[in-house]
Amino acid sequence: MARGKYLSLEEARKRGELDRFAKEHPMKGDAERFARLLEAMASGKKSSKSGTSAPGSSANSSGTQSRRGT
């Protein structure tokens, strides 16, 4: 690693310097949203805002897919 260069994630993992990596690569995030997502993934429960179709809505579908605009 060159002096003054940012530490890569791989280098940080190998050297045990993840704290340094985190300081060099700050991110803005929504901690509350992340916690909800993590909890939903860990519990295995489906979200009410999943964006999936209602059960049975594809009953008359052949199951084939076609490209958009065809």
PDB file of N, CA and C in Angstrom:
ATOM      1  N   MET A   1       0.843  -1.183   0.000  1.00  0.00           N
ATOM      2  CA  MET A   1       0.000   0.000   0.000  1.00  0.00           C
ATOM      3  C   MET A   1       0.883   1.240   0.000  1.00  0.00           C
ATOM      4  N   ALA A   2       0.567   2.158  -0.885  1.00  0.00           N
ATOM      5  CA  ALA A   2       1.335   3.401  -0.962  1.00  0.00           C
ATOM      6  C   ALA A   2       0.932   4.336   0.173  1.00  0.00           C
ATOM      7  N   ARG A   3       1.876   5.118   0.623  1.00  0.00           N
ATOM      8  CA  ARG A   3       1.605   6.060   1.707  1.00  0.00           C
ATOM      9  C   ARG A   3       0.618   7.124   1.227  1.00  0.00           C
ATOM     10  N   GLY A   4      -0.370   7.423   2.018  1.00  0.00           N
ATOM     11  CA  GLY A   4      -1.375   8.421   1.666  1.00  0.00           C
ATOM     12  C   GLY A   4      -2.529   7.858   0.861  1.00  0.00           C
ATOM     13  N   LYS A   5      -2.460   6.618   0.471  1.00  0.00           N
ATOM     14  CA  LYS A   5      -3.519   5.975  -0.297  1.00  0.00           C
ATOM     15  C   LYS A   5      -4.561   5.416   0.667  1.00  0.00           C
ATOM     16  N   TYR A   6      -5.804   5.412   0.208  1.00  0.00           N
ATOM     17  CA  TYR A   6      -6.852   4.835   1.038  1.00  0.00           C
ATOM     18  C   TYR A   6      -6.659   3.331   1.172  1.00  0.00           C
ATOM     19  N   LEU A   7      -7.059   2.824   2.295  1.00  0.00           N
ATOM     20  CA  LEU A   7      -6.975   1.405   2.597  1.00  0.00           C
ATOM     21  C   LEU A   7      -8.147   0.693   1.922  1.00  0.00           C
ATOM     22  N   SER A   8      -7.879  -0.381   1.194  1.00  0.00           N
ATOM     23  CA  SER A   8      -8.968  -1.142   0.575  1.00  0.00           C
ATOM     24  C   SER A   8      -9.616  -2.026   1.635  1.00  0.00           C
ATOM     25  N   LEU A   9     -10.814  -2.476   1.366  1.00  0.00           N
ATOM     26  CA  LEU A   9     -11.517  -3.338   2.311  1.00  0.00           C
ATOM     27  C   LEU A   9     -10.741  -4.629   2.529  1.00  0.00           C
ATOM     28  N   GLU A  10     -10.204  -5.193   1.452  1.00  0.00           N
ATOM     29  CA  GLU A  10      -9.426  -6.429   1.569  1.00  0.00           C
ATOM     30  C   GLU A  10      -8.198  -6.226   2.455  1.00  0.00           C
ATOM     31  N   GLU A  11      -7.482  -5.120   2.249  1.00  0.00           N
ATOM     32  CA  GLU A  11      -6.306  -4.831   3.072  1.00  0.00           C
ATOM     33  C   GLU A  11      -6.706  -4.632   4.535  1.00  0.00           C
ATOM     34  N   ALA A  12      -7.788  -3.918   4.745  1.00  0.00           N
ATOM     35  CA  ALA A  12      -8.251  -3.659   6.105  1.00  0.00           C
ATOM     36  C   ALA A  12      -8.616  -4.958   6.815  1.00  0.00           C
ATOM     37  N   ARG A  13      -9.260  -5.868   6.100  1.00  0.00           N
ATOM     38  CA  ARG A  13      -9.632  -7.155   6.702  1.00  0.00           C
ATOM     39  C   ARG A  13      -8.390  -7.959   7.062  1.00  0.00           C
ATOM     40  N   LYS A  14      -7.430  -7.993   6.155  1.00  0.00           N
ATOM     41  CA  LYS A  14      -6.209  -8.761   6.403  1.00  0.00           C
ATOM     42  C   LYS A  14      -5.412  -8.196   7.565  1.00  0.00           C
ATOM     43  N   ARG A  15      -5.387  -6.870   7.672  1.00  0.00           N
ATOM     44  CA  ARG A  15      -4.594  -6.209   8.717  1.00  0.00           C
ATOM     45  C   ARG A  15      -5.353  -6.016  10.027  1.00  0.00           C
ATOM     46  N   GLY A  16      -6.651  -6.278  10.014  1.00  0.00           N
ATOM     47  CA  GLY A  16      -7.450  -6.053  11.211  1.00  0.00           C
ATOM     48  C   GLY A  16      -7.676  -4.577  11.482  1.00  0.00           C
ATOM     49  N   GLU A  17      -7.742  -3.774  10.401  1.00  0.00           N
ATOM     50  CA  GLU A  17      -7.901  -2.321  10.529  1.00  0.00           C
ATOM     51  C   GLU A  17      -9.241  -1.849   9.955  1.00  0.00           C
ATOM     52  N   LEU A  18     -10.304  -2.539  10.295  1.00  0.00           N
ATOM     53  CA  LEU A  18     -11.615  -2.164   9.772  1.00  0.00           C
ATOM     54  C   LEU A  18     -12.075  -0.799  10.291  1.00  0.00           C
ATOM     55  N   ASP A  19     -11.667  -0.449  11.505  1.00  0.00           N
ATOM     56  CA  ASP A  19     -12.017   0.875  12.034  1.00  0.00           C
ATOM     57  C   ASP A  19     -11.417   1.971  11.170  1.00  0.00           C
ATOM     58  N   ARG A  20     -10.171   1.783  10.756  1.00  0.00           N
ATOM     59  CA  ARG A  20      -9.515   2.768   9.882  1.00  0.00           C
ATOM     60  C   ARG A  20     -10.232   2.855   8.542  1.00  0.00           C
ATOM     61  N   PHE A  21     -10.596   1.697   7.991  1.00  0.00           N
ATOM     62  CA  PHE A  21     -11.314   1.671   6.721  1.00  0.00           C
ATOM     63  C   PHE A  21     -12.626   2.445   6.841  1.00  0.00           C
ATOM     64  N   ALA A  22     -13.339   2.225   7.934  1.00  0.00           N
ATOM     65  CA  ALA A  22     -14.617   2.906   8.144  1.00  0.00           C
ATOM     66  C   ALA A  22     -14.441   4.417   8.230  1.00  0.00           C
ATOM     67  N   LYS A  23     -13.379   4.873   8.863  1.00  0.00           N
ATOM     68  CA  LYS A  23     -13.113   6.316   8.958  1.00  0.00           C
ATOM     69  C   LYS A  23     -12.766   6.907   7.597  1.00  0.00           C
ATOM     70  N   GLU A  24     -12.054   6.133   6.762  1.00  0.00           N
ATOM     71  CA  GLU A  24     -11.665   6.610   5.438  1.00  0.00           C
ATOM     72  C   GLU A  24     -12.816   6.577   4.433  1.00  0.00           C
ATOM     73  N   HIS A  25     -13.832   5.770   4.708  1.00  0.00           N
ATOM     74  CA  HIS A  25     -14.953   5.606   3.787  1.00  0.00           C
ATOM     75  C   HIS A  25     -16.276   5.842   4.518  1.00  0.00           C
ATOM     76  N   PRO A  26     -16.530   7.075   4.935  1.00  0.00           N
ATOM     77  CA  PRO A  26     -17.774   7.349   5.676  1.00  0.00           C
ATOM     78  C   PRO A  26     -19.003   7.193   4.768  1.00  0.00           C
ATOM     79  N   MET A  27     -20.070   6.709   5.332  1.00  0.00           N
ATOM     80  CA  MET A  27     -21.327   6.539   4.601  1.00  0.00           C
ATOM     81  C   MET A  27     -22.462   7.146   5.421  1.00  0.00           C
ATOM     82  N   LYS A  28     -23.408   7.702   4.712  1.00  0.00           N
ATOM     83  CA  LYS A  28     -24.619   8.182   5.361  1.00  0.00           C
ATOM     84  C   LYS A  28     -25.664   7.090   5.194  1.00  0.00           C
ATOM     85  N   GLY A  29     -26.364   6.794   6.248  1.00  0.00           N
ATOM     86  CA  GLY A  29     -27.366   5.748   6.180  1.00  0.00           C
ATOM     87  C   GLY A  29     -28.477   6.008   7.174  1.00  0.00           C
ATOM     88  N   ASP A  30     -29.512   5.242   7.045  1.00  0.00           N
ATOM     89  CA  ASP A  30     -30.665   5.341   7.918  1.00  0.00           C
ATOM     90  C   ASP A  30     -30.637   4.141   8.857  1.00  0.00           C
ATOM     91  N   ALA A  31     -30.128   4.343  10.064  1.00  0.00           N
ATOM     92  CA  ALA A  31     -29.959   3.254  11.020  1.00  0.00           C
ATOM     93  C   ALA A  31     -31.294   2.593  11.362  1.00  0.00           C
ATOM     94  N   GLU A  32     -32.352   3.374  11.487  1.00  0.00           N
ATOM     95  CA  GLU A  32     -33.658   2.811  11.832  1.00  0.00           C
ATOM     96  C   GLU A  32     -34.184   1.930  10.702  1.00  0.00           C
ATOM     97  N   ARG A  33     -34.033   2.390   9.487  1.00  0.00           N
ATOM     98  CA  ARG A  33     -34.485   1.605   8.327  1.00  0.00           C
ATOM     99  C   ARG A  33     -33.678   0.312   8.211  1.00  0.00           C
ATOM    100  N   PHE A  34     -32.364   0.408   8.424  1.00  0.00           N
ATOM    101  CA  PHE A  34     -31.516  -0.780   8.386  1.00  0.00           C
ATOM    102  C   PHE A  34     -31.930  -1.780   9.458  1.00  0.00           C
ATOM    103  N   ALA A  35     -32.206  -1.307  10.658  1.00  0.00           N
ATOM    104  CA  ALA A  35     -32.606  -2.193  11.754  1.00  0.00           C
ATOM    105  C   ALA A  35     -33.906  -2.918  11.417  1.00  0.00           C
ATOM    106  N   ARG A  36     -34.868  -2.195  10.814  1.00  0.00           N
ATOM    107  CA  ARG A  36     -36.131  -2.837  10.415  1.00  0.00           C
ATOM    108  C   ARG A  36     -35.890  -3.902   9.352  1.00  0.00           C
ATOM    109  N   LEU A  37     -35.050  -3.593   8.383  1.00  0.00           N
ATOM    110  CA  LEU A  37     -34.746  -4.538   7.323  1.00  0.00           C
ATOM    111  C   LEU A  37     -34.055  -5.773   7.883  1.00  0.00           C
ATOM    112  N   LEU A  38     -33.071  -5.566   8.728  1.00  0.00           N
ATOM    113  CA  LEU A  38     -32.344  -6.676   9.323  1.00  0.00           C
ATOM    114  C   LEU A  38     -33.277  -7.557  10.149  1.00  0.00           C
ATOM    115  N   GLU A  39     -34.144  -6.950  10.918  1.00  0.00           N
ATOM    116  CA  GLU A  39     -35.102  -7.704  11.734  1.00  0.00           C
ATOM    117  C   GLU A  39     -36.037  -8.522  10.848  1.00  0.00           C
ATOM    118  N   ALA A  40     -36.522  -7.929   9.760  1.00  0.00           N
ATOM    119  CA  ALA A  40     -37.419  -8.635   8.847  1.00  0.00           C
ATOM    120  C   ALA A  40     -36.706  -9.820   8.202  1.00  0.00           C
ATOM    121  N   MET A  41     -35.459  -9.627   7.815  1.00  0.00           N
ATOM    122  CA  MET A  41     -34.705 -10.719   7.189  1.00  0.00           C
ATOM    123  C   MET A  41     -34.417 -11.827   8.199  1.00  0.00           C
ATOM    124  N   ALA A  42     -34.102 -11.455   9.413  1.00  0.00           N
ATOM    125  CA  ALA A  42     -33.760 -12.441  10.434  1.00  0.00           C
ATOM    126  C   ALA A  42     -34.977 -13.231  10.892  1.00  0.00           C
ATOM    127  N   SER A  43     -36.140 -12.593  10.921  1.00  0.00           N
ATOM    128  CA  SER A  43     -37.339 -13.276  11.395  1.00  0.00           C
ATOM    129  C   SER A  43     -37.989 -14.124  10.319  1.00  0.00           C
ATOM    130  N   GLY A  44     -37.706 -13.836   9.065  1.00  0.00           N
ATOM    131  CA  GLY A  44     -38.284 -14.602   7.966  1.00  0.00           C
ATOM    132  C   GLY A  44     -39.715 -14.218   7.652  1.00  0.00           C
ATOM    133  N   LYS A  45     -40.200 -13.160   8.266  1.00  0.00           N
ATOM    134  CA  LYS A  45     -41.562 -12.710   8.011  1.00  0.00           C
ATOM    135  C   LYS A  45     -41.589 -11.819   6.782  1.00  0.00           C
ATOM    136  N   LYS A  46     -42.670 -11.925   6.018  1.00  0.00           N
ATOM    137  CA  LYS A  46     -42.815 -11.086   4.841  1.00  0.00           C
ATOM    138  C   LYS A  46     -43.253  -9.692   5.263  1.00  0.00           C
ATOM    139  N   SER A  47     -42.714  -8.706   4.586  1.00  0.00           N
ATOM    140  CA  SER A  47     -43.076  -7.323   4.855  1.00  0.00           C
ATOM    141  C   SER A  47     -44.421  -7.030   4.224  1.00  0.00           C
ATOM    142  N   SER A  48     -45.208  -6.161   4.838  1.00  0.00           N
ATOM    143  CA  SER A  48     -46.490  -5.783   4.260  1.00  0.00           C
ATOM    144  C   SER A  48     -46.298  -4.909   3.026  1.00  0.00           C
ATOM    145  N   LYS A  49     -45.094  -4.343   2.866  1.00  0.00           N
ATOM    146  CA  LYS A  49     -44.785  -3.498   1.717  1.00  0.00           C
ATOM    147  C   LYS A  49     -43.835  -4.221   0.774  1.00  0.00           C
ATOM    148  N   SER A  50     -44.070  -5.515   0.568  1.00  0.00           N
ATOM    149  CA  SER A  50     -43.140  -6.313  -0.217  1.00  0.00           C
ATOM    150  C   SER A  50     -43.227  -6.020  -1.704  1.00  0.00           C
ATOM    151  N   GLY A  51     -44.370  -5.523  -2.183  1.00  0.00           N
ATOM    152  CA  GLY A  51     -44.496  -5.214  -3.590  1.00  0.00           C
ATOM    153  C   GLY A  51     -44.774  -6.438  -4.444  1.00  0.00           C
ATOM    154  N   THR A  52     -45.144  -7.557  -3.830  1.00  0.00           N
ATOM    155  CA  THR A  52     -45.455  -8.755  -4.588  1.00  0.00           C
ATOM    156  C   THR A  52     -46.944  -8.834  -4.860  1.00  0.00           C
ATOM    157  N   SER A  53     -47.297  -9.681  -5.799  1.00  0.00           N
ATOM    158  CA  SER A  53     -48.702  -9.862  -6.163  1.00  0.00           C
ATOM    159  C   SER A  53     -49.450 -10.593  -5.066  1.00  0.00           C
ATOM    160  N   ALA A  54     -50.745 -10.407  -5.067  1.00  0.00           N
ATOM    161  CA  ALA A  54     -51.594 -11.094  -4.107  1.00  0.00           C
ATOM    162  C   ALA A  54     -51.649 -12.578  -4.459  1.00  0.00           C
ATOM    163  N   PRO A  55     -51.811 -13.446  -3.471  1.00  0.00           N
ATOM    164  CA  PRO A  55     -51.907 -14.878  -3.752  1.00  0.00           C
ATOM    165  C   PRO A  55     -53.061 -15.163  -4.717  1.00  0.00           C
ATOM    166  N   GLY A  56     -52.804 -15.996  -5.698  1.00  0.00           N
ATOM    167  CA  GLY A  56     -53.849 -16.355  -6.655  1.00  0.00           C
ATOM    168  C   GLY A  56     -53.995 -15.399  -7.814  1.00  0.00           C
ATOM    169  N   SER A  57     -53.280 -14.292  -7.816  1.00  0.00           N
ATOM    170  CA  SER A  57     -53.442 -13.309  -8.884  1.00  0.00           C
ATOM    171  C   SER A  57     -52.864 -13.792 -10.209  1.00  0.00           C
ATOM    172  N   SER A  58     -52.033 -14.829 -10.166  1.00  0.00           N
ATOM    173  CA  SER A  58     -51.463 -15.351 -11.401  1.00  0.00           C
ATOM    174  C   SER A  58     -52.042 -16.720 -11.747  1.00  0.00           C
ATOM    175  N   ALA A  59     -53.247 -17.009 -11.265  1.00  0.00           N
ATOM    176  CA  ALA A  59     -53.866 -18.311 -11.482  1.00  0.00           C
ATOM    177  C   ALA A  59     -54.072 -18.622 -12.957  1.00  0.00           C
ATOM    178  N   ASN A  60     -54.373 -17.626 -13.782  1.00  0.00           N
ATOM    179  CA  ASN A  60     -54.615 -17.857 -15.201  1.00  0.00           C
ATOM    180  C   ASN A  60     -53.375 -17.624 -16.052  1.00  0.00           C
ATOM    181  N   SER A  61     -52.231 -17.487 -15.449  1.00  0.00           N
ATOM    182  CA  SER A  61     -50.998 -17.240 -16.166  1.00  0.00           C
ATOM    183  C   SER A  61     -50.373 -18.553 -16.630  1.00  0.00           C
ATOM    184  N   SER A  62     -49.742 -18.516 -17.810  1.00  0.00           N
ATOM    185  CA  SER A  62     -49.077 -19.722 -18.331  1.00  0.00           C
ATOM    186  C   SER A  62     -47.715 -19.914 -17.696  1.00  0.00           C
ATOM    187  N   GLY A  63     -47.214 -18.892 -17.018  1.00  0.00           N
ATOM    188  CA  GLY A  63     -45.916 -18.967 -16.379  1.00  0.00           C
ATOM    189  C   GLY A  63     -44.783 -18.554 -17.278  1.00  0.00           C
ATOM    190  N   THR A  64     -45.079 -18.243 -18.546  1.00  0.00           N
ATOM    191  CA  THR A  64     -44.034 -17.804 -19.460  1.00  0.00           C
ATOM    192  C   THR A  64     -43.842 -16.316 -19.326  1.00  0.00           C
ATOM    193  N   GLN A  65     -42.677 -15.852 -19.721  1.00  0.00           N
ATOM    194  CA  GLN A  65     -42.365 -14.432 -19.667  1.00  0.00           C
ATOM    195  C   GLN A  65     -42.006 -13.944 -21.039  1.00  0.00           C
ATOM    196  N   SER A  66     -42.351 -12.702 -21.330  1.00  0.00           N
ATOM    197  CA  SER A  66     -41.951 -12.107 -22.611  1.00  0.00           C
ATOM    198  C   SER A  66     -41.299 -10.780 -22.332  1.00  0.00           C
ATOM    199  N   ARG A  67     -40.464 -10.341 -23.275  1.00  0.00           N
ATOM    200  CA  ARG A  67     -39.786  -9.060 -23.115  1.00  0.00           C
ATOM    201  C   ARG A  67     -40.795  -7.930 -23.169  1.00  0.00           C
ATOM    202  N   ARG A  68     -40.437  -6.846 -22.523  1.00  0.00           N
ATOM    203  CA  ARG A  68     -41.300  -5.664 -22.564  1.00  0.00           C
ATOM    204  C   ARG A  68     -41.350  -5.124 -23.985  1.00  0.00           C
ATOM    205  N   GLY A  69     -42.492  -4.607 -24.350  1.00  0.00           N
ATOM    206  CA  GLY A  69     -42.649  -3.984 -25.658  1.00  0.00           C
ATOM    207  C   GLY A  69     -42.917  -4.971 -26.772  1.00  0.00           C
ATOM    208  N   THR A  70     -43.179  -6.245 -26.436  1.00  0.00           N
ATOM    209  CA  THR A  70     -43.489  -7.208 -27.497  1.00  0.00           C
ATOM    210  C   THR A  70     -44.951  -7.500 -27.559  1.00  0.00           C
TER     211      THR A  70
END
